[in-house]
Amino acid sequence: GALPVKLWYSGSYYRYERPQKGRYRHFSQVGAEILGT
């Protein structure tokens, strides 16, 4: 369709890391993407 495509999202993400302050195995993010330009 019409470009660019601009999207945002929010949710839970997961990484098997050594837990410490500021680094969690389950964490929350907000993201944004611009596609097609």
All heavy atoms as atom14 arrays in JSON, in Angstrom:
{
  "sequence": "GALPVKLWYSGSYYRYERPQKGRYRHFSQVGAEILGT",
  "atom14_mask": [
    [1, 1, 1, 1, 0, 0, 0, 0, 0, 0, 0, 0, 0, 0],
    [1, 1, 1, 1, 1, 0, 0, 0, 0, 0, 0, 0, 0, 0],
    [1, 1, 1, 1, 1, 1, 1, 1, 0, 0, 0, 0, 0, 0],
    [1, 1, 1, 1, 1, 1, 1, 0, 0, 0, 0, 0, 0, 0],
    [1, 1, 1, 1, 1, 1, 1, 0, 0, 0, 0, 0, 0, 0],
    [1, 1, 1, 1, 1, 1, 1, 1, 1, 0, 0, 0, 0, 0],
    [1, 1, 1, 1, 1, 1, 1, 1, 0, 0, 0, 0, 0, 0],
    [1, 1, 1, 1, 1, 1, 1, 1, 1, 1, 1, 1, 1, 1],
    [1, 1, 1, 1, 1, 1, 1, 1, 1, 1, 1, 1, 0, 0],
    [1, 1, 1, 1, 1, 1, 0, 0, 0, 0, 0, 0, 0, 0],
    [1, 1, 1, 1, 0, 0, 0, 0, 0, 0, 0, 0, 0, 0],
    [1, 1, 1, 1, 1, 1, 0, 0, 0, 0, 0, 0, 0, 0],
    [1, 1, 1, 1, 1, 1, 1, 1, 1, 1, 1, 1, 0, 0],
    [1, 1, 1, 1, 1, 1, 1, 1, 1, 1, 1, 1, 0, 0],
    [1, 1, 1, 1, 1, 1, 1, 1, 1, 1, 1, 0, 0, 0],
    [1, 1, 1, 1, 1, 1, 1, 1, 1, 1, 1, 1, 0, 0],
    [1, 1, 1, 1, 1, 1, 1, 1, 1, 0, 0, 0, 0, 0],
    [1, 1, 1, 1, 1, 1, 1, 1, 1, 1, 1, 0, 0, 0],
    [1, 1, 1, 1, 1, 1, 1, 0, 0, 0, 0, 0, 0, 0],
    [1, 1, 1, 1, 1, 1, 1, 1, 1, 0, 0, 0, 0, 0],
    [1, 1, 1, 1, 1, 1, 1, 1, 1, 0, 0, 0, 0, 0],
    [1, 1, 1, 1, 0, 0, 0, 0, 0, 0, 0, 0, 0, 0],
    [1, 1, 1, 1, 1, 1, 1, 1, 1, 1, 1, 0, 0, 0],
    [1, 1, 1, 1, 1, 1, 1, 1, 1, 1, 1, 1, 0, 0],
    [1, 1, 1, 1, 1, 1, 1, 1, 1, 1, 1, 0, 0, 0],
    [1, 1, 1, 1, 1, 1, 1, 1, 1, 1, 0, 0, 0, 0],
    [1, 1, 1, 1, 1, 1, 1, 1, 1, 1, 1, 0, 0, 0],
    [1, 1, 1, 1, 1, 1, 0, 0, 0, 0, 0, 0, 0, 0],
    [1, 1, 1, 1, 1, 1, 1, 1, 1, 0, 0, 0, 0, 0],
    [1, 1, 1, 1, 1, 1, 1, 0, 0, 0, 0, 0, 0, 0],
    [1, 1, 1, 1, 0, 0, 0, 0, 0, 0, 0, 0, 0, 0],
    [1, 1, 1, 1, 1, 0, 0, 0, 0, 0, 0, 0, 0, 0],
    [1, 1, 1, 1, 1, 1, 1, 1, 1, 0, 0, 0, 0, 0],
    [1, 1, 1, 1, 1, 1, 1, 1, 0, 0, 0, 0, 0, 0],
    [1, 1, 1, 1, 1, 1, 1, 1, 0, 0, 0, 0, 0, 0],
    [1, 1, 1, 1, 0, 0, 0, 0, 0, 0, 0, 0, 0, 0],
    [1, 1, 1, 1, 1, 1, 1, 0, 0, 0, 0, 0, 0, 0]
  ],
  "atom14_positions": [
    [[0.82, -1.21, 0.0], [0.0, 0.0, 0.0], [0.85, 1.25, 0.0], [1.99, 1.26, -0.47], [0.0, 0.0, 0.0], [0.0, 0.0, 0.0], [0.0, 0.0, 0.0], [0.0, 0.0, 0.0], [0.0, 0.0, 0.0], [0.0, 0.0, 0.0], [0.0, 0.0, 0.0], [0.0, 0.0, 0.0], [0.0, 0.0, 0.0], [0.0, 0.0, 0.0]],
    [[0.28, 2.31, 0.54], [1.0, 3.59, 0.59], [2.2, 3.48, 1.53], [2.1, 2.94, 2.62], [0.06, 4.7, 1.05], [0.0, 0.0, 0.0], [0.0, 0.0, 0.0], [0.0, 0.0, 0.0], [0.0, 0.0, 0.0], [0.0, 0.0, 0.0], [0.0, 0.0, 0.0], [0.0, 0.0, 0.0], [0.0, 0.0, 0.0], [0.0, 0.0, 0.0]],
    [[3.32, 3.99, 1.08], [4.54, 4.01, 1.88], [4.9, 5.44, 2.24], [4.6, 6.37, 1.49], [5.69, 3.36, 1.1], [5.53, 1.87, 0.75], [6.69, 1.39, -0.1], [5.42, 1.03, 2.02], [0.0, 0.0, 0.0], [0.0, 0.0, 0.0], [0.0, 0.0, 0.0], [0.0, 0.0, 0.0], [0.0, 0.0, 0.0], [0.0, 0.0, 0.0]],
    [[5.55, 5.66, 3.38], [6.02, 4.64, 4.31], [4.91, 4.13, 5.23], [3.89, 4.78, 5.41], [7.09, 5.38, 5.12], [6.61, 6.8, 5.14], [5.98, 7.02, 3.78], [0.0, 0.0, 0.0], [0.0, 0.0, 0.0], [0.0, 0.0, 0.0], [0.0, 0.0, 0.0], [0.0, 0.0, 0.0], [0.0, 0.0, 0.0], [0.0, 0.0, 0.0]],
    [[5.14, 2.95, 5.8], [4.28, 2.38, 6.82], [4.88, 2.75, 8.17], [6.04, 2.45, 8.44], [4.19, 0.85, 6.69], [3.33, 0.26, 7.81], [3.63, 0.46, 5.33], [0.0, 0.0, 0.0], [0.0, 0.0, 0.0], [0.0, 0.0, 0.0], [0.0, 0.0, 0.0], [0.0, 0.0, 0.0], [0.0, 0.0, 0.0], [0.0, 0.0, 0.0]],
    [[4.08, 3.4, 9.03], [4.55, 3.82, 10.35], [3.75, 3.08, 11.42], [2.53, 3.19, 11.47], [4.39, 5.33, 10.54], [5.24, 6.17, 9.58], [5.11, 7.66, 9.9], [6.01, 8.49, 9.01], [5.97, 9.94, 9.37], [0.0, 0.0, 0.0], [0.0, 0.0, 0.0], [0.0, 0.0, 0.0], [0.0, 0.0, 0.0], [0.0, 0.0, 0.0]],
    [[4.46, 2.33, 12.26], [3.8, 1.48, 13.24], [4.47, 1.62, 14.61], [5.66, 1.91, 14.71], [3.88, 0.01, 12.81], [3.22, -0.35, 11.47], [3.6, -1.76, 11.06], [1.71, -0.21, 11.57], [0.0, 0.0, 0.0], [0.0, 0.0, 0.0], [0.0, 0.0, 0.0], [0.0, 0.0, 0.0], [0.0, 0.0, 0.0], [0.0, 0.0, 0.0]],
    [[3.67, 1.39, 15.66], [4.23, 1.31, 17.01], [3.64, 0.09, 17.71], [2.6, -0.42, 17.3], [3.96, 2.6, 17.8], [2.55, 2.78, 18.31], [1.5, 3.33, 17.62], [2.04, 2.42, 19.59], [0.37, 3.34, 18.4], [0.67, 2.8, 19.62], [2.59, 1.84, 20.73], [-0.14, 2.59, 20.74], [1.79, 1.64, 21.84], [0.44, 2.01, 21.84]],
    [[4.31, -0.36, 18.74], [3.88, -1.56, 19.45], [4.38, -1.49, 20.88], [5.26, -0.7, 21.23], [4.4, -2.82, 18.76], [5.88, -2.79, 18.45], [6.8, -3.34, 19.33], [6.36, -2.2, 17.28], [8.16, -3.3, 19.06], [7.72, -2.15, 17.0], [8.61, -2.7, 17.89], [9.95, -2.66, 17.63], [0.0, 0.0, 0.0], [0.0, 0.0, 0.0]],
    [[3.82, -2.34, 21.71], [4.18, -2.35, 23.13], [3.93, -3.75, 23.67], [2.95, -4.39, 23.28], [3.36, -1.32, 23.91], [3.6, -1.4, 25.29], [0.0, 0.0, 0.0], [0.0, 0.0, 0.0], [0.0, 0.0, 0.0], [0.0, 0.0, 0.0], [0.0, 0.0, 0.0], [0.0, 0.0, 0.0], [0.0, 0.0, 0.0], [0.0, 0.0, 0.0]],
    [[4.81, -4.21, 24.55], [4.56, -5.52, 25.11], [5.73, -6.08, 25.88], [6.67, -5.37, 26.24], [0.0, 0.0, 0.0], [0.0, 0.0, 0.0], [0.0, 0.0, 0.0], [0.0, 0.0, 0.0], [0.0, 0.0, 0.0], [0.0, 0.0, 0.0], [0.0, 0.0, 0.0], [0.0, 0.0, 0.0], [0.0, 0.0, 0.0], [0.0, 0.0, 0.0]],
    [[5.67, -7.4, 26.11], [6.68, -8.11, 26.88], [7.67, -8.81, 25.96], [7.29, -9.35, 24.92], [6.01, -9.14, 27.79], [5.19, -8.52, 28.75], [0.0, 0.0, 0.0], [0.0, 0.0, 0.0], [0.0, 0.0, 0.0], [0.0, 0.0, 0.0], [0.0, 0.0, 0.0], [0.0, 0.0, 0.0], [0.0, 0.0, 0.0], [0.0, 0.0, 0.0]],
    [[8.93, -8.83, 26.39], [10.0, -9.47, 25.64], [10.84, -10.3, 26.61], [10.8, -10.07, 27.83], [10.85, -8.42, 24.9], [10.01, -7.7, 23.89], [9.2, -6.62, 24.27], [9.95, -8.12, 22.57], [8.38, -5.99, 23.35], [9.12, -7.5, 21.65], [8.34, -6.43, 22.04], [7.52, -5.82, 21.15], [0.0, 0.0, 0.0], [0.0, 0.0, 0.0]],
    [[11.62, -11.25, 26.07], [12.24, -12.25, 26.92], [13.67, -12.54, 26.45], [13.9, -12.81, 25.27], [11.43, -13.56, 26.88], [9.95, -13.35, 27.1], [9.1, -13.04, 26.04], [9.39, -13.42, 28.38], [7.75, -12.83, 26.24], [8.04, -13.22, 28.58], [7.22, -12.91, 27.51], [5.89, -12.7, 27.7], [0.0, 0.0, 0.0], [0.0, 0.0, 0.0]],
    [[14.61, -12.5, 27.4], [15.98, -12.9, 27.1], [16.55, -13.63, 28.31], [16.4, -13.18, 29.44], [16.87, -11.68, 26.77], [16.45, -10.97, 25.49], [17.42, -9.86, 25.13], [16.91, -9.06, 24.03], [17.52, -7.98, 23.53], [18.69, -7.6, 24.04], [16.99, -7.31, 22.53], [0.0, 0.0, 0.0], [0.0, 0.0, 0.0], [0.0, 0.0, 0.0]],
    [[17.23, -14.74, 28.03], [17.82, -15.51, 29.1], [19.17, -14.88, 29.47], [20.22, -15.23, 28.92], [18.01, -16.98, 28.69], [18.42, -17.86, 29.85], [17.47, -18.35, 30.73], [19.76, -18.17, 30.07], [17.83, -19.14, 31.81], [20.14, -18.97, 31.14], [19.17, -19.44, 32.01], [19.53, -20.22, 33.08], [0.0, 0.0, 0.0], [0.0, 0.0, 0.0]],
    [[19.13, -13.92, 30.38], [20.32, -13.2, 30.81], [20.51, -13.37, 32.31], [19.6, -13.78, 33.02], [20.2, -11.71, 30.48], [20.05, -11.41, 29.0], [20.1, -9.93, 28.69], [19.1, -9.26, 28.95], [21.14, -9.47, 28.22], [0.0, 0.0, 0.0], [0.0, 0.0, 0.0], [0.0, 0.0, 0.0], [0.0, 0.0, 0.0], [0.0, 0.0, 0.0]],
    [[21.71, -13.02, 32.78], [21.96, -13.05, 34.22], [21.21, -11.89, 34.85], [21.54, -10.73, 34.6], [23.45, -12.94, 34.49], [23.82, -13.0, 35.97], [25.31, -13.24, 36.11], [26.08, -12.19, 35.46], [26.54, -11.12, 36.09], [26.3, -10.94, 37.37], [27.25, -10.2, 35.43], [0.0, 0.0, 0.0], [0.0, 0.0, 0.0], [0.0, 0.0, 0.0]],
    [[20.18, -12.16, 35.66], [19.37, -11.07, 36.2], [20.19, -10.12, 37.06], [21.02, -10.53, 37.87], [18.31, -11.79, 37.04], [18.26, -13.18, 36.48], [19.66, -13.48, 36.07], [0.0, 0.0, 0.0], [0.0, 0.0, 0.0], [0.0, 0.0, 0.0], [0.0, 0.0, 0.0], [0.0, 0.0, 0.0], [0.0, 0.0, 0.0], [0.0, 0.0, 0.0]],
    [[20.0, -8.83, 36.85], [20.62, -7.78, 37.65], [19.78, -6.53, 37.48], [18.85, -6.5, 36.67], [22.06, -7.53, 37.22], [22.21, -7.21, 35.73], [23.65, -7.04, 35.32], [24.29, -6.08, 35.73], [24.17, -7.97, 34.52], [0.0, 0.0, 0.0], [0.0, 0.0, 0.0], [0.0, 0.0, 0.0], [0.0, 0.0, 0.0], [0.0, 0.0, 0.0]],
    [[20.09, -5.51, 38.24], [19.3, -4.28, 38.15], [19.39, -3.72, 36.73], [20.46, -3.47, 36.21], [19.82, -3.24, 39.15], [18.96, -1.99, 39.21], [19.44, -1.05, 40.29], [18.54, 0.18, 40.38], [18.97, 1.11, 41.44], [0.0, 0.0, 0.0], [0.0, 0.0, 0.0], [0.0, 0.0, 0.0], [0.0, 0.0, 0.0], [0.0, 0.0, 0.0]],
    [[18.22, -3.55, 36.12], [18.16, -3.02, 34.77], [18.25, -4.06, 33.68], [18.13, -3.73, 32.51], [0.0, 0.0, 0.0], [0.0, 0.0, 0.0], [0.0, 0.0, 0.0], [0.0, 0.0, 0.0], [0.0, 0.0, 0.0], [0.0, 0.0, 0.0], [0.0, 0.0, 0.0], [0.0, 0.0, 0.0], [0.0, 0.0, 0.0], [0.0, 0.0, 0.0]],
    [[18.5, -5.31, 34.04], [18.57, -6.39, 33.05], [17.73, -7.55, 33.56], [18.09, -8.21, 34.52], [20.01, -6.81, 32.81], [20.15, -8.0, 31.86], [21.59, -8.26, 31.48], [22.05, -7.31, 30.48], [23.29, -7.3, 29.99], [24.18, -8.16, 30.43], [23.62, -6.4, 29.07], [0.0, 0.0, 0.0], [0.0, 0.0, 0.0], [0.0, 0.0, 0.0]],
    [[16.6, -7.79, 32.89], [15.65, -8.79, 33.35], [15.39, -9.81, 32.26], [15.51, -9.51, 31.06], [14.34, -8.12, 33.76], [14.52, -6.95, 34.71], [14.18, -5.66, 34.33], [15.07, -7.15, 35.97], [14.35, -4.6, 35.19], [15.26, -6.09, 36.84], [14.89, -4.81, 36.45], [15.09, -3.75, 37.3], [0.0, 0.0, 0.0], [0.0, 0.0, 0.0]],
    [[14.98, -10.99, 32.67], [14.64, -12.02, 31.69], [13.28, -11.77, 31.05], [13.03, -12.21, 29.93], [14.7, -13.4, 32.35], [16.11, -13.78, 32.74], [16.18, -15.12, 33.45], [17.58, -15.5, 33.68], [17.97, -16.58, 34.32], [17.06, -17.41, 34.82], [19.24, -16.84, 34.47], [0.0, 0.0, 0.0], [0.0, 0.0, 0.0], [0.0, 0.0, 0.0]],
    [[12.43, -11.09, 31.76], [11.15, -10.63, 31.2], [11.13, -9.13, 31.36], [11.24, -8.61, 32.46], [9.98, -11.27, 31.95], [8.67, -10.61, 31.65], [7.9, -10.01, 32.62], [8.0, -10.44, 30.5], [6.82, -9.5, 32.07], [6.85, -9.76, 30.78], [0.0, 0.0, 0.0], [0.0, 0.0, 0.0], [0.0, 0.0, 0.0], [0.0, 0.0, 0.0]],
    [[11.01, -8.41, 30.25], [11.05, -6.96, 30.3], [10.02, -6.37, 29.35], [9.46, -7.06, 28.5], [12.46, -6.43, 29.98], [13.02, -6.91, 28.66], [12.94, -6.14, 27.52], [13.64, -8.16, 28.57], [13.46, -6.57, 26.31], [14.16, -8.62, 27.36], [14.07, -7.82, 26.23], [0.0, 0.0, 0.0], [0.0, 0.0, 0.0], [0.0, 0.0, 0.0]],
    [[9.78, -5.08, 29.52], [8.72, -4.4, 28.77], [9.3, -3.3, 27.9], [10.19, -2.57, 28.33], [7.7, -3.81, 29.75], [6.67, -3.16, 29.07], [0.0, 0.0, 0.0], [0.0, 0.0, 0.0], [0.0, 0.0, 0.0], [0.0, 0.0, 0.0], [0.0, 0.0, 0.0], [0.0, 0.0, 0.0], [0.0, 0.0, 0.0], [0.0, 0.0, 0.0]],
    [[8.81, -3.21, 26.67], [9.3, -2.19, 25.73], [8.15, -1.54, 24.97], [7.08, -2.12, 24.81], [10.25, -2.82, 24.7], [11.58, -3.25, 25.24], [12.5, -3.76, 24.14], [12.05, -4.18, 23.07], [13.8, -3.73, 24.38], [0.0, 0.0, 0.0], [0.0, 0.0, 0.0], [0.0, 0.0, 0.0], [0.0, 0.0, 0.0], [0.0, 0.0, 0.0]],
    [[8.43, -0.35, 24.48], [7.61, 0.29, 23.46], [8.5, 0.46, 22.24], [9.66, 0.89, 22.38], [7.08, 1.66, 23.92], [6.37, 2.38, 22.77], [6.12, 1.49, 25.09], [0.0, 0.0, 0.0], [0.0, 0.0, 0.0], [0.0, 0.0, 0.0], [0.0, 0.0, 0.0], [0.0, 0.0, 0.0], [0.0, 0.0, 0.0], [0.0, 0.0, 0.0]],
    [[8.01, 0.09, 21.08], [8.81, 0.18, 19.87], [8.1, 0.94, 18.77], [6.87, 1.1, 18.8], [0.0, 0.0, 0.0], [0.0, 0.0, 0.0], [0.0, 0.0, 0.0], [0.0, 0.0, 0.0], [0.0, 0.0, 0.0], [0.0, 0.0, 0.0], [0.0, 0.0, 0.0], [0.0, 0.0, 0.0], [0.0, 0.0, 0.0], [0.0, 0.0, 0.0]],
    [[8.86, 1.41, 17.79], [8.3, 2.12, 16.65], [9.13, 1.81, 15.41], [10.36, 1.67, 15.51], [8.3, 3.62, 16.91], [0.0, 0.0, 0.0], [0.0, 0.0, 0.0], [0.0, 0.0, 0.0], [0.0, 0.0, 0.0], [0.0, 0.0, 0.0], [0.0, 0.0, 0.0], [0.0, 0.0, 0.0], [0.0, 0.0, 0.0], [0.0, 0.0, 0.0]],
    [[8.48, 1.7, 14.27], [9.16, 1.39, 13.01], [8.59, 2.25, 11.89], [7.39, 2.52, 11.85], [8.97, -0.09, 12.63], [9.12, -1.1, 13.76], [10.54, -1.27, 14.25], [11.48, -0.82, 13.55], [10.72, -1.85, 15.34], [0.0, 0.0, 0.0], [0.0, 0.0, 0.0], [0.0, 0.0, 0.0], [0.0, 0.0, 0.0], [0.0, 0.0, 0.0]],
    [[9.47, 2.69, 11.0], [9.06, 3.33, 9.74], [9.61, 2.48, 8.61], [10.83, 2.28, 8.5], [9.6, 4.76, 9.62], [9.11, 5.63, 10.79], [9.18, 5.39, 8.29], [9.63, 7.06, 10.75], [0.0, 0.0, 0.0], [0.0, 0.0, 0.0], [0.0, 0.0, 0.0], [0.0, 0.0, 0.0], [0.0, 0.0, 0.0], [0.0, 0.0, 0.0]],
    [[8.73, 1.96, 7.76], [9.13, 1.04, 6.69], [8.81, 1.62, 5.33], [7.74, 2.22, 5.12], [8.4, -0.29, 6.86], [8.65, -1.03, 8.17], [7.64, -2.14, 8.36], [10.06, -1.57, 8.19], [0.0, 0.0, 0.0], [0.0, 0.0, 0.0], [0.0, 0.0, 0.0], [0.0, 0.0, 0.0], [0.0, 0.0, 0.0], [0.0, 0.0, 0.0]],
    [[9.76, 1.47, 4.39], [9.5, 1.85, 3.02], [10.13, 3.16, 2.59], [9.74, 3.71, 1.57], [0.0, 0.0, 0.0], [0.0, 0.0, 0.0], [0.0, 0.0, 0.0], [0.0, 0.0, 0.0], [0.0, 0.0, 0.0], [0.0, 0.0, 0.0], [0.0, 0.0, 0.0], [0.0, 0.0, 0.0], [0.0, 0.0, 0.0], [0.0, 0.0, 0.0]],
    [[11.09, 3.67, 3.35], [11.75, 4.92, 2.96], [13.18, 4.92, 3.46], [13.48, 4.38, 4.52], [11.01, 6.14, 3.52], [11.74, 7.33, 3.18], [10.89, 6.08, 5.03], [0.0, 0.0, 0.0], [0.0, 0.0, 0.0], [0.0, 0.0, 0.0], [0.0, 0.0, 0.0], [0.0, 0.0, 0.0], [0.0, 0.0, 0.0], [0.0, 0.0, 0.0]]
  ]
}
